[in-house]
């Protein structure tokens, strides 16, 4: 099981009327990802994409990949467990 250790989560965009939220997540290895959530009434991750600042921590490729999508549930659980999501 992969551990990503989300160290920071910053809200970057929101559409409260539709319940859509966008966050920038920073992992312990300095990888950054854009995380999309819905909130109706609970937080649910809809997608995650890696920002191309460092190679992918899973496949080590330096271009667009979908590796983080496979671990979206794990990443969501780490974000929730660390209390980084707003109320």
N, C-alpha and C. Protein backbone atom coordinates (compact mmCIF):
# COMPACT_ATOMS: atom_id res chain seq x y z
N UNK A 1 0.85 -1.18 0.00
CA UNK A 1 0.00 0.00 0.00
C UNK A 1 0.89 1.24 0.00
N UNK A 2 0.66 2.12 -0.91
CA UNK A 2 1.47 3.33 -1.03
C UNK A 2 1.05 4.34 0.04
N UNK A 3 2.03 5.00 0.61
CA UNK A 3 1.79 6.09 1.55
C UNK A 3 2.31 7.36 0.91
N UNK A 4 1.47 8.37 0.84
CA UNK A 4 1.85 9.59 0.15
C UNK A 4 2.17 10.73 1.11
N UNK A 5 1.73 10.68 2.32
CA UNK A 5 2.03 11.69 3.33
C UNK A 5 1.74 13.10 2.82
N UNK A 6 0.48 13.43 2.76
CA UNK A 6 0.06 14.76 2.34
C UNK A 6 0.45 15.74 3.45
N UNK A 7 1.31 16.71 3.10
CA UNK A 7 1.80 17.65 4.11
C UNK A 7 1.05 18.98 4.08
N UNK A 8 0.43 19.32 2.94
CA UNK A 8 -0.25 20.60 2.83
C UNK A 8 -1.39 20.48 1.84
N UNK A 9 -2.48 21.19 2.11
CA UNK A 9 -3.63 21.22 1.21
C UNK A 9 -4.15 22.65 1.19
N UNK A 10 -4.10 23.27 0.00
CA UNK A 10 -4.55 24.65 -0.14
C UNK A 10 -5.71 24.70 -1.12
N UNK A 11 -6.76 25.39 -0.75
CA UNK A 11 -7.90 25.55 -1.64
C UNK A 11 -7.52 26.53 -2.75
N UNK A 12 -7.73 26.13 -4.01
CA UNK A 12 -7.35 27.02 -5.10
C UNK A 12 -8.55 27.56 -5.87
N UNK A 13 -9.66 26.83 -5.89
CA UNK A 13 -10.84 27.31 -6.60
C UNK A 13 -12.07 26.63 -6.01
N UNK A 14 -13.21 27.29 -6.17
CA UNK A 14 -14.44 26.75 -5.61
C UNK A 14 -15.65 27.20 -6.40
N UNK A 15 -16.63 26.34 -6.44
CA UNK A 15 -17.94 26.66 -6.97
C UNK A 15 -18.94 26.12 -5.95
N UNK A 16 -19.23 26.93 -4.93
CA UNK A 16 -20.05 26.46 -3.82
C UNK A 16 -21.47 26.14 -4.25
N UNK A 17 -21.97 26.83 -5.25
CA UNK A 17 -23.33 26.57 -5.73
C UNK A 17 -23.46 25.14 -6.27
N UNK A 18 -22.43 24.69 -6.99
CA UNK A 18 -22.43 23.34 -7.54
C UNK A 18 -21.79 22.33 -6.58
N UNK A 19 -21.16 22.80 -5.50
CA UNK A 19 -20.52 21.92 -4.55
C UNK A 19 -19.19 21.37 -5.03
N UNK A 20 -18.50 22.10 -5.93
CA UNK A 20 -17.22 21.65 -6.47
C UNK A 20 -16.07 22.45 -5.86
N UNK A 21 -15.00 21.76 -5.52
CA UNK A 21 -13.85 22.38 -4.88
C UNK A 21 -12.57 21.85 -5.51
N UNK A 22 -11.58 22.73 -5.63
CA UNK A 22 -10.28 22.35 -6.16
C UNK A 22 -9.21 22.72 -5.14
N UNK A 23 -8.33 21.77 -4.86
CA UNK A 23 -7.26 21.97 -3.88
C UNK A 23 -5.92 21.64 -4.52
N UNK A 24 -4.86 22.24 -4.00
CA UNK A 24 -3.50 21.88 -4.37
C UNK A 24 -2.90 21.13 -3.19
N UNK A 25 -2.54 19.88 -3.42
CA UNK A 25 -1.97 19.04 -2.38
C UNK A 25 -0.47 18.93 -2.57
N UNK A 26 0.27 19.01 -1.48
CA UNK A 26 1.71 18.83 -1.50
C UNK A 26 2.03 17.58 -0.68
N UNK A 27 2.82 16.69 -1.27
CA UNK A 27 3.21 15.46 -0.60
C UNK A 27 4.60 15.63 0.02
N UNK A 28 4.98 14.71 0.88
CA UNK A 28 6.25 14.82 1.59
C UNK A 28 7.46 14.79 0.67
N UNK A 29 7.33 14.20 -0.52
CA UNK A 29 8.46 14.17 -1.46
C UNK A 29 8.44 15.37 -2.41
N UNK A 30 7.66 16.40 -2.07
CA UNK A 30 7.53 17.66 -2.81
C UNK A 30 6.74 17.53 -4.11
N UNK A 31 6.12 16.38 -4.35
CA UNK A 31 5.21 16.23 -5.48
C UNK A 31 3.97 17.05 -5.19
N UNK A 32 3.43 17.71 -6.21
CA UNK A 32 2.21 18.48 -6.04
C UNK A 32 1.14 17.92 -6.97
N UNK A 33 -0.09 17.99 -6.51
CA UNK A 33 -1.20 17.47 -7.29
C UNK A 33 -2.41 18.38 -7.13
N UNK A 34 -3.23 18.41 -8.14
CA UNK A 34 -4.49 19.13 -8.10
C UNK A 34 -5.58 18.09 -7.78
N UNK A 35 -6.30 18.34 -6.69
CA UNK A 35 -7.31 17.40 -6.21
C UNK A 35 -8.68 18.05 -6.33
N UNK A 36 -9.61 17.36 -6.95
CA UNK A 36 -10.96 17.87 -7.14
C UNK A 36 -11.92 17.11 -6.24
N UNK A 37 -12.75 17.87 -5.53
CA UNK A 37 -13.71 17.31 -4.57
C UNK A 37 -15.11 17.82 -4.85
N UNK A 38 -16.09 17.02 -4.42
CA UNK A 38 -17.47 17.49 -4.32
C UNK A 38 -17.86 17.42 -2.86
N UNK A 39 -18.82 18.25 -2.47
CA UNK A 39 -19.31 18.22 -1.09
C UNK A 39 -20.82 18.32 -1.11
N UNK A 40 -21.47 17.16 -0.97
CA UNK A 40 -22.94 17.10 -0.96
C UNK A 40 -23.41 15.98 -0.06
N UNK A 41 -23.50 16.00 1.18
CA UNK A 41 -22.96 16.91 2.18
C UNK A 41 -21.56 16.51 2.63
N UNK A 42 -21.09 15.29 2.25
CA UNK A 42 -19.75 14.84 2.67
C UNK A 42 -18.74 15.05 1.55
N UNK A 43 -17.47 15.14 1.92
CA UNK A 43 -16.41 15.31 0.95
C UNK A 43 -16.20 14.01 0.17
N UNK A 44 -16.13 14.12 -1.15
CA UNK A 44 -15.88 12.97 -2.01
C UNK A 44 -14.90 13.40 -3.08
N UNK A 45 -13.80 12.68 -3.22
CA UNK A 45 -12.80 13.00 -4.23
C UNK A 45 -13.33 12.58 -5.60
N UNK A 46 -13.22 13.47 -6.59
CA UNK A 46 -13.68 13.13 -7.93
C UNK A 46 -12.54 12.83 -8.87
N UNK A 47 -11.43 13.54 -8.74
CA UNK A 47 -10.25 13.23 -9.55
C UNK A 47 -9.01 13.88 -8.95
N UNK A 48 -7.87 13.41 -9.42
CA UNK A 48 -6.59 13.95 -8.97
C UNK A 48 -5.63 13.91 -10.14
N UNK A 49 -4.90 15.00 -10.34
CA UNK A 49 -3.91 15.07 -11.40
C UNK A 49 -2.61 15.64 -10.83
N UNK A 50 -1.52 15.05 -11.24
CA UNK A 50 -0.20 15.50 -10.76
C UNK A 50 0.22 16.74 -11.53
N UNK A 51 0.74 17.72 -10.81
CA UNK A 51 1.32 18.88 -11.45
C UNK A 51 2.72 18.49 -11.91
N UNK A 52 3.10 18.88 -13.09
CA UNK A 52 4.33 18.39 -13.69
C UNK A 52 5.58 19.14 -13.21
N UNK A 53 5.77 19.24 -11.89
CA UNK A 53 6.93 19.93 -11.35
C UNK A 53 8.07 18.97 -11.03
N UNK A 54 7.74 17.74 -10.66
CA UNK A 54 8.73 16.69 -10.40
C UNK A 54 8.20 15.40 -11.01
N UNK A 55 9.06 14.42 -11.25
CA UNK A 55 8.59 13.15 -11.82
C UNK A 55 7.57 12.46 -10.91
N UNK A 56 6.77 11.64 -11.51
CA UNK A 56 5.74 10.89 -10.78
C UNK A 56 6.39 10.02 -9.71
N UNK A 57 5.88 10.04 -8.47
CA UNK A 57 6.47 9.23 -7.41
C UNK A 57 6.23 7.73 -7.59
N UNK A 58 5.33 7.35 -8.48
CA UNK A 58 5.00 5.94 -8.66
C UNK A 58 5.75 5.35 -9.85
N UNK A 59 5.58 5.95 -11.04
CA UNK A 59 6.21 5.40 -12.25
C UNK A 59 7.50 6.12 -12.61
N UNK A 60 7.81 7.24 -11.94
CA UNK A 60 9.02 8.04 -12.14
C UNK A 60 9.11 8.67 -13.52
N UNK A 61 8.01 8.72 -14.25
CA UNK A 61 8.01 9.37 -15.56
C UNK A 61 7.83 10.87 -15.39
N UNK A 62 8.36 11.62 -16.33
CA UNK A 62 8.35 13.07 -16.23
C UNK A 62 7.27 13.70 -17.11
N UNK A 63 6.32 12.94 -17.54
CA UNK A 63 5.23 13.46 -18.35
C UNK A 63 3.90 13.02 -17.74
N UNK A 64 2.81 13.44 -18.36
CA UNK A 64 1.49 13.18 -17.82
C UNK A 64 1.23 11.68 -17.68
N UNK A 65 0.76 11.28 -16.52
CA UNK A 65 0.37 9.89 -16.27
C UNK A 65 -0.85 9.90 -15.36
N UNK A 66 -1.48 8.77 -15.21
CA UNK A 66 -2.68 8.65 -14.36
C UNK A 66 -2.42 7.83 -13.11
N UNK A 67 -1.18 7.76 -12.69
CA UNK A 67 -0.83 6.91 -11.54
C UNK A 67 -1.55 7.32 -10.26
N UNK A 68 -1.65 8.61 -9.98
CA UNK A 68 -2.27 9.05 -8.73
C UNK A 68 -3.77 8.71 -8.69
N UNK A 69 -4.42 8.61 -9.84
CA UNK A 69 -5.84 8.23 -9.87
C UNK A 69 -6.07 6.87 -9.24
N UNK A 70 -5.12 5.95 -9.42
CA UNK A 70 -5.27 4.61 -8.85
C UNK A 70 -5.25 4.63 -7.33
N UNK A 71 -4.64 5.66 -6.74
CA UNK A 71 -4.51 5.74 -5.29
C UNK A 71 -5.36 6.87 -4.71
N UNK A 72 -6.39 7.29 -5.43
CA UNK A 72 -7.20 8.42 -4.96
C UNK A 72 -7.87 8.14 -3.62
N UNK A 73 -8.30 6.91 -3.39
CA UNK A 73 -8.92 6.58 -2.10
C UNK A 73 -7.91 6.68 -0.96
N UNK A 74 -6.70 6.20 -1.18
CA UNK A 74 -5.65 6.29 -0.17
C UNK A 74 -5.31 7.73 0.13
N UNK A 75 -5.17 8.54 -0.91
CA UNK A 75 -4.84 9.95 -0.74
C UNK A 75 -5.98 10.67 -0.01
N UNK A 76 -7.22 10.37 -0.38
CA UNK A 76 -8.38 10.97 0.30
C UNK A 76 -8.38 10.62 1.79
N UNK A 77 -8.11 9.35 2.10
CA UNK A 77 -8.09 8.93 3.50
C UNK A 77 -7.00 9.65 4.29
N UNK A 78 -5.85 9.86 3.68
CA UNK A 78 -4.78 10.59 4.37
C UNK A 78 -5.16 12.05 4.61
N UNK A 79 -5.82 12.66 3.62
CA UNK A 79 -6.25 14.05 3.77
C UNK A 79 -7.28 14.17 4.89
N UNK A 80 -8.24 13.26 4.91
CA UNK A 80 -9.29 13.29 5.93
C UNK A 80 -8.69 13.00 7.31
N UNK A 81 -7.83 11.98 7.41
CA UNK A 81 -7.24 11.59 8.70
C UNK A 81 -6.37 12.71 9.28
N UNK A 82 -5.72 13.49 8.42
CA UNK A 82 -4.87 14.56 8.92
C UNK A 82 -5.65 15.84 9.17
N UNK A 83 -6.93 15.87 8.83
CA UNK A 83 -7.77 17.03 9.11
C UNK A 83 -7.49 18.23 8.23
N UNK A 84 -7.03 18.02 7.02
CA UNK A 84 -6.68 19.12 6.13
C UNK A 84 -7.87 19.71 5.38
N UNK A 85 -8.97 18.97 5.27
CA UNK A 85 -10.15 19.49 4.58
C UNK A 85 -10.88 20.49 5.46
N UNK A 86 -11.40 21.57 4.87
CA UNK A 86 -12.18 22.53 5.67
C UNK A 86 -13.50 21.92 6.10
N UNK A 87 -14.09 22.48 7.11
CA UNK A 87 -15.37 21.97 7.63
C UNK A 87 -16.49 22.24 6.70
